[in-house]
Amino acid sequence: MYILHYAPDNASQIIRLMLEEMGLPYRTALLDRSTRAQDSAQYRAVNPTGLIPALQTPDATLFETGAILLWLCDSHVSMAPAPGAPGRADFLKWLFFTANTLHADSRLLFYPEQYAGSPEAIPAFRSACEARIHRDLGLLEALAASAPDYLNAQSPSALGYYICCLIRWINLYPTDRTGWLHLANFPALYALALALQERPAALRVSTAEGLGSTIFTAPHYADPPEGSVI
């Protein structure tokens, strides 16, 4: 059985969606962000970066969202093109683009006070971040519109869930700057988000983390039964 170290509506959500979609046995280990449990010595022994998530497996303890996703896909030959299969190279480049570019750009937007340099610089910094995210999503919109096997509304993939979770958070954070992203401007991504949020796996995760029924297309702040989102 896998052990997912998680906080509700954090990056661990992407891994939880994968575990549910694959039907894999796992249990969760809550990290209560309200008490900074991710900074505890106990968790640092699991993930020395202190970031969420971490996944304990029979082989190793994994951290970094993209690495966990790829390991799960390859270990269970599911939700991604297998090594050597058509589309594998394209899947990998877009998975790492999502992890290293869209996710990184989103984090800058969520926590501008950590990166802008000064309070006065935050408005311009946010505008630059929003422009980068629009560019990132535009590239992924073109990809989704081409409907490759590893990113379409008919079958779930690690990449699809990753993108849709990021879209959710971009719509919610920072809390004083919501509503700037209009998903309707990205119709292929909207169709993908709509299809994925209706899947049984997504509904189970929604119930477990208090996300509501429209978790990707019309998200609201989580009301989790345990732990804290921030």
Protein backbone atom coordinates (compact mmCIF):
# COMPACT_ATOMS: atom_id res chain seq x y z
CA MET A 1 0.00 0.00 0.00
CA TYR A 2 1.20 3.49 -0.85
CA ILE A 3 1.28 6.29 1.73
CA LEU A 4 0.46 9.75 0.39
CA HIS A 5 1.64 12.61 2.57
CA TYR A 6 -0.90 15.29 1.78
CA ALA A 7 -2.65 18.50 2.65
CA PRO A 8 -6.13 19.17 1.26
CA ASP A 9 -6.23 21.08 -2.02
CA ASN A 10 -2.45 21.13 -2.32
CA ALA A 11 -0.23 19.58 -4.99
CA SER A 12 -0.85 16.20 -3.33
CA GLN A 13 -4.31 16.42 -4.87
CA ILE A 14 -2.82 15.64 -8.28
CA ILE A 15 -1.28 12.43 -6.94
CA ARG A 16 -4.48 11.48 -5.12
CA LEU A 17 -6.45 11.82 -8.35
CA MET A 18 -3.99 9.49 -10.05
CA LEU A 19 -4.16 6.89 -7.27
CA GLU A 20 -7.95 6.97 -7.37
CA GLU A 21 -8.11 6.83 -11.15
CA MET A 22 -5.73 3.85 -11.22
CA GLY A 23 -7.59 2.08 -8.43
CA LEU A 24 -4.44 1.66 -6.36
CA PRO A 25 -4.49 0.93 -2.63
CA TYR A 26 -3.17 3.81 -0.55
CA ARG A 27 -3.64 5.61 2.70
CA THR A 28 -3.12 9.27 3.50
CA ALA A 29 -0.90 10.90 6.10
CA LEU A 30 -2.19 14.40 6.84
CA LEU A 31 0.15 17.36 6.99
CA ASP A 32 -1.69 20.12 8.84
CA ARG A 33 -0.47 23.32 7.26
CA SER A 34 -2.03 25.40 10.03
CA THR A 35 0.66 24.05 12.37
CA ARG A 36 3.37 23.97 9.68
CA ALA A 37 3.56 20.18 9.91
CA GLN A 38 5.46 20.17 6.62
CA ASP A 39 8.38 21.79 8.46
CA SER A 40 8.51 19.18 11.20
CA ALA A 41 11.54 16.95 11.66
CA GLN A 42 9.28 13.95 11.17
CA TYR A 43 8.19 15.07 7.71
CA ARG A 44 11.63 16.35 6.74
CA ALA A 45 12.84 12.78 7.28
CA VAL A 46 10.35 11.77 4.57
CA ASN A 47 10.86 14.75 2.24
CA PRO A 48 13.90 16.91 3.05
CA THR A 49 12.52 19.79 0.97
CA GLY A 50 9.50 20.14 3.23
CA LEU A 51 7.24 20.44 0.19
CA ILE A 52 3.95 18.63 -0.35
CA PRO A 53 3.46 15.89 -1.55
CA ALA A 54 5.57 12.84 -0.83
CA LEU A 55 4.64 9.29 -1.74
CA GLN A 56 6.03 6.32 0.14
CA THR A 57 6.21 3.18 -2.00
CA PRO A 58 7.63 -0.29 -1.42
CA ASP A 59 10.65 0.72 -3.53
CA ALA A 60 11.42 4.26 -2.38
CA THR A 61 9.98 7.47 -1.03
CA LEU A 62 9.28 9.89 -3.85
CA PHE A 63 8.83 13.65 -3.88
CA GLU A 64 8.41 16.27 -6.64
CA THR A 65 5.00 16.08 -8.28
CA GLY A 66 6.25 15.42 -11.81
CA ALA A 67 8.54 12.62 -10.64
CA ILE A 68 5.75 10.93 -8.69
CA LEU A 69 3.38 11.15 -11.66
CA LEU A 70 5.89 9.68 -14.07
CA TRP A 71 6.82 6.89 -11.64
CA LEU A 72 3.18 5.93 -11.17
CA CYS A 73 2.49 5.98 -14.91
CA ASP A 74 5.47 3.81 -15.72
CA SER A 75 5.10 1.46 -12.76
CA HIS A 76 1.45 0.74 -13.59
CA VAL A 77 1.59 1.28 -17.38
CA SER A 78 -1.36 3.61 -17.18
CA MET A 79 -2.42 7.21 -17.88
CA ALA A 80 0.58 7.95 -20.13
CA PRO A 81 2.21 6.48 -23.23
CA ALA A 82 4.49 3.63 -22.18
CA PRO A 83 8.24 3.90 -22.86
CA GLY A 84 8.79 3.36 -26.56
CA ALA A 85 5.13 3.92 -27.45
CA PRO A 86 4.01 6.57 -29.97
CA GLY A 87 3.51 9.90 -28.27
CA ARG A 88 5.89 9.14 -25.41
CA ALA A 89 8.38 11.88 -26.29
CA ASP A 90 5.65 14.48 -26.70
CA PHE A 91 4.00 13.43 -23.44
CA LEU A 92 7.29 13.82 -21.57
CA LYS A 93 8.04 17.28 -22.89
CA TRP A 94 4.57 18.57 -22.01
CA LEU A 95 4.57 16.90 -18.60
CA PHE A 96 7.85 18.61 -17.75
CA PHE A 97 6.63 21.88 -19.27
CA THR A 98 3.63 21.70 -16.94
CA ALA A 99 5.78 20.86 -13.91
CA ASN A 100 8.69 23.20 -14.58
CA THR A 101 6.98 26.13 -16.31
CA LEU A 102 3.22 26.38 -15.67
CA HIS A 103 3.45 25.11 -12.09
CA ALA A 104 6.48 27.30 -11.39
CA ASP A 105 4.84 30.38 -12.92
CA SER A 106 1.71 29.68 -10.89
CA ARG A 107 3.67 29.49 -7.66
CA LEU A 108 5.14 32.92 -8.38
CA LEU A 109 1.61 34.28 -8.75
CA PHE A 110 0.36 32.58 -5.58
CA TYR A 111 3.17 33.93 -3.38
CA PRO A 112 4.27 37.25 -4.91
CA GLU A 113 5.42 38.56 -1.54
CA GLN A 114 8.15 35.90 -1.56
CA TYR A 115 9.49 36.80 -4.99
CA ALA A 116 8.62 40.39 -5.97
CA GLY A 117 11.36 41.98 -3.89
CA SER A 118 9.24 44.63 -2.20
CA PRO A 119 5.53 45.35 -1.55
CA GLU A 120 5.65 48.17 -4.09
CA ALA A 121 6.82 45.77 -6.79
CA ILE A 122 3.99 43.27 -6.30
CA PRO A 123 1.41 44.75 -8.77
CA ALA A 124 3.86 44.76 -11.70
CA PHE A 125 5.18 41.36 -10.66
CA ARG A 126 1.67 39.91 -10.66
CA SER A 127 0.93 41.34 -14.09
CA ALA A 128 4.07 39.72 -15.47
CA CYS A 129 3.11 36.40 -13.89
CA GLU A 130 -0.39 36.57 -15.35
CA ALA A 131 1.03 37.25 -18.80
CA ARG A 132 3.32 34.22 -18.51
CA ILE A 133 0.45 31.99 -17.37
CA HIS A 134 -1.70 33.14 -20.29
CA ARG A 135 1.17 32.22 -22.60
CA ASP A 136 1.60 28.82 -20.91
CA LEU A 137 -2.09 28.03 -21.12
CA GLY A 138 -2.20 29.17 -24.73
CA LEU A 139 0.41 26.57 -25.60
CA LEU A 140 -1.48 23.88 -23.71
CA GLU A 141 -4.75 24.97 -25.33
CA ALA A 142 -3.23 24.36 -28.77
CA LEU A 143 -2.03 20.96 -27.60
CA ALA A 144 -5.42 20.00 -26.16
CA ALA A 145 -7.17 21.17 -29.35
CA SER A 146 -5.05 18.71 -31.33
CA ALA A 147 -6.48 15.94 -29.09
CA PRO A 148 -3.46 13.67 -28.70
CA ASP A 149 -4.12 10.32 -27.04
CA TYR A 150 -2.35 11.48 -23.87
CA LEU A 151 -4.45 14.65 -23.50
CA ASN A 152 -8.09 14.51 -24.47
CA ALA A 153 -11.48 14.60 -22.82
CA GLN A 154 -12.29 10.95 -23.54
CA SER A 155 -9.58 9.33 -21.44
CA PRO A 156 -7.83 10.55 -18.29
CA SER A 157 -4.10 11.10 -18.19
CA ALA A 158 -1.54 12.30 -15.68
CA LEU A 159 -0.95 15.38 -17.80
CA GLY A 160 -4.65 16.22 -18.02
CA TYR A 161 -5.20 16.03 -14.28
CA TYR A 162 -2.05 18.05 -13.60
CA ILE A 163 -3.12 20.88 -15.92
CA CYS A 164 -6.67 20.95 -14.54
CA CYS A 165 -5.51 21.13 -10.92
CA LEU A 166 -3.30 24.08 -11.80
CA ILE A 167 -6.20 25.78 -13.57
CA ARG A 168 -8.23 25.31 -10.38
CA TRP A 169 -5.63 27.01 -8.19
CA ILE A 170 -4.93 29.79 -10.68
CA ASN A 171 -8.62 30.68 -10.40
CA LEU A 172 -8.51 30.73 -6.59
CA TYR A 173 -5.17 32.29 -5.63
CA PRO A 174 -4.02 34.73 -4.57
CA THR A 175 -7.25 35.33 -2.70
CA ASP A 176 -7.22 39.08 -3.31
CA ARG A 177 -6.75 38.73 -7.07
CA THR A 178 -9.25 36.19 -8.37
CA GLY A 179 -11.33 36.21 -11.53
CA TRP A 180 -8.60 37.39 -13.92
CA LEU A 181 -8.44 34.07 -15.79
CA HIS A 182 -11.39 33.20 -18.03
CA LEU A 183 -11.33 29.50 -18.83
CA ALA A 184 -13.89 30.02 -21.60
CA ASN A 185 -11.07 31.62 -23.60
CA PHE A 186 -9.44 28.17 -23.68
CA PRO A 187 -12.26 25.96 -25.02
CA ALA A 188 -10.23 22.77 -25.42
CA LEU A 189 -8.90 23.03 -21.88
CA TYR A 190 -12.41 23.84 -20.64
CA ALA A 191 -13.78 20.69 -22.29
CA LEU A 192 -10.99 18.67 -20.71
CA ALA A 193 -11.63 20.15 -17.26
CA LEU A 194 -15.38 19.57 -17.57
CA ALA A 195 -14.90 15.92 -18.52
CA LEU A 196 -12.35 15.16 -15.82
CA GLN A 197 -14.25 16.77 -12.95
CA GLU A 198 -17.21 14.47 -13.64
CA ARG A 199 -15.19 11.26 -13.37
CA PRO A 200 -15.82 9.02 -10.34
CA ALA A 201 -12.19 9.37 -9.24
CA ALA A 202 -12.46 13.16 -9.21
CA LEU A 203 -15.74 13.02 -7.27
CA ARG A 204 -14.15 10.79 -4.64
CA VAL A 205 -11.23 13.18 -4.22
CA SER A 206 -13.66 16.09 -4.10
CA THR A 207 -15.55 14.45 -1.23
CA ALA A 208 -12.35 13.56 0.64
CA GLU A 209 -10.93 17.09 0.40
CA GLY A 210 -14.13 19.18 0.44
CA LEU A 211 -13.78 20.62 -3.05
CA GLY A 212 -17.36 20.76 -4.34
CA SER A 213 -18.72 19.34 -7.59
CA THR A 214 -17.19 21.72 -10.18
CA ILE A 215 -13.64 21.44 -8.96
CA PHE A 216 -11.97 22.56 -12.19
CA THR A 217 -14.44 24.65 -14.18
CA ALA A 218 -16.00 26.71 -11.35
CA PRO A 219 -13.88 26.10 -8.27
CA HIS A 220 -14.53 27.40 -4.81
CA TYR A 221 -12.33 27.31 -1.76
CA ALA A 222 -12.03 23.90 -0.16
CA ASP A 223 -13.82 23.03 3.04
CA PRO A 224 -11.86 19.92 4.03
CA PRO A 225 -13.02 17.50 6.72
CA GLU A 226 -9.47 17.49 8.14
CA GLY A 227 -6.40 19.68 7.96
CA SER A 228 -5.89 23.11 6.47
CA VAL A 229 -5.48 24.26 2.88
CA ILE A 230 -3.01 27.04 3.77
